[in-house]
């Protein structure tokens, strides 16, 4: 089971949730902020959980004229040593 809460206004948003499965748990937090209308956004988040689960993520979105490019990077803070994390790019 799990529960969460979020907040959103015209330029920013934030949220957190807690999830339980058996004896395992996960706490997630995240926030984003838009600048110059909807032209640029910065995002950040993190996860802390049982079994030494820890990660940090950050991203950016930029758009103009109906086109948008998004980039996100997620980095494990435990378990995998020497990792450059996971990187994603999308264009719409």
Protein backbone atom coordinates (compact mmCIF):
# COMPACT_ATOMS: atom_id res chain seq x y z
CA UNK A 1 0.00 0.00 0.00
CA UNK A 2 1.04 3.61 -0.26
CA UNK A 3 0.08 7.23 0.17
CA UNK A 4 1.19 10.51 -1.32
CA UNK A 5 0.63 14.21 -1.42
CA UNK A 6 1.37 16.84 -4.06
CA UNK A 7 1.18 20.57 -4.64
CA UNK A 8 0.92 22.41 -7.93
CA UNK A 9 0.54 26.00 -9.02
CA UNK A 10 1.08 27.73 -12.38
CA UNK A 11 4.91 27.63 -12.21
CA UNK A 12 5.91 24.89 -9.77
CA UNK A 13 5.01 21.54 -8.38
CA UNK A 14 6.20 19.20 -5.65
CA UNK A 15 5.18 15.81 -4.41
CA UNK A 16 6.09 12.99 -2.08
CA UNK A 17 4.84 9.48 -1.57
CA UNK A 18 5.51 6.49 0.64
CA UNK A 19 4.97 2.92 -0.56
CA UNK A 20 5.11 -0.35 1.37
CA UNK A 21 5.30 -3.88 0.00
CA UNK A 22 5.75 -6.59 2.59
CA UNK A 23 8.67 -5.48 4.76
CA UNK A 24 10.08 -3.18 2.05
CA UNK A 25 9.40 0.55 1.81
CA UNK A 26 10.17 3.42 -0.56
CA UNK A 27 9.94 7.19 0.02
CA UNK A 28 9.98 9.37 -3.10
CA UNK A 29 10.17 13.17 -3.32
CA UNK A 30 10.29 15.46 -6.33
CA UNK A 31 9.86 19.05 -7.43
CA UNK A 32 9.83 21.09 -10.62
CA UNK A 33 9.86 24.79 -11.46
CA UNK A 34 8.90 26.43 -14.77
CA UNK A 35 10.54 29.63 -16.00
CA UNK A 36 9.56 32.06 -18.78
CA UNK A 37 6.05 30.73 -19.04
CA UNK A 38 6.37 27.15 -20.21
CA UNK A 39 9.69 27.58 -22.04
CA UNK A 40 12.09 26.07 -19.47
CA UNK A 41 11.66 23.71 -16.53
CA UNK A 42 14.08 22.31 -13.96
CA UNK A 43 13.30 19.13 -12.02
CA UNK A 44 14.86 17.19 -9.17
CA UNK A 45 13.88 14.19 -7.11
CA UNK A 46 15.09 11.45 -4.88
CA UNK A 47 14.26 8.00 -3.59
CA UNK A 48 15.13 6.44 -0.26
CA UNK A 49 14.09 2.90 0.53
CA UNK A 50 14.81 -0.36 2.20
CA UNK A 51 17.56 -2.65 0.93
CA UNK A 52 19.85 0.40 0.68
CA UNK A 53 17.84 1.90 -2.18
CA UNK A 54 18.98 5.52 -2.67
CA UNK A 55 18.91 7.56 -5.87
CA UNK A 56 18.87 11.15 -7.09
CA UNK A 57 17.46 12.43 -10.37
CA UNK A 58 17.50 15.77 -12.15
CA UNK A 59 16.12 17.02 -15.44
CA UNK A 60 15.45 19.93 -17.70
CA UNK A 61 12.81 20.70 -20.33
CA UNK A 62 12.98 23.40 -22.98
CA UNK A 63 10.39 24.23 -25.55
CA UNK A 64 9.31 26.75 -28.13
CA UNK A 65 6.73 26.84 -30.90
CA UNK A 66 5.08 23.56 -29.91
CA UNK A 67 8.35 21.58 -29.85
CA UNK A 68 9.95 20.37 -26.64
CA UNK A 69 13.15 18.60 -25.66
CA UNK A 70 13.46 16.83 -22.29
CA UNK A 71 16.58 15.48 -20.58
CA UNK A 72 16.72 13.48 -17.35
CA UNK A 73 19.52 11.80 -15.43
CA UNK A 74 19.09 9.36 -12.56
CA UNK A 75 22.03 8.40 -10.36
CA UNK A 76 22.14 5.53 -7.88
CA UNK A 77 23.66 6.67 -4.59
CA UNK A 78 24.22 3.14 -3.35
CA UNK A 79 24.83 -0.33 -4.77
CA UNK A 80 26.37 0.48 -8.17
CA UNK A 81 29.77 2.08 -7.76
CA UNK A 82 31.35 4.03 -10.60
CA UNK A 83 28.05 4.34 -12.47
CA UNK A 84 27.25 7.38 -14.59
CA UNK A 85 23.58 6.66 -13.98
CA UNK A 86 20.76 6.48 -16.47
CA UNK A 87 20.21 9.27 -19.02
CA UNK A 88 17.12 9.88 -21.13
CA UNK A 89 16.35 12.37 -23.87
CA UNK A 90 13.04 12.88 -25.63
CA UNK A 91 11.95 15.25 -28.38
CA UNK A 92 8.28 16.02 -29.04
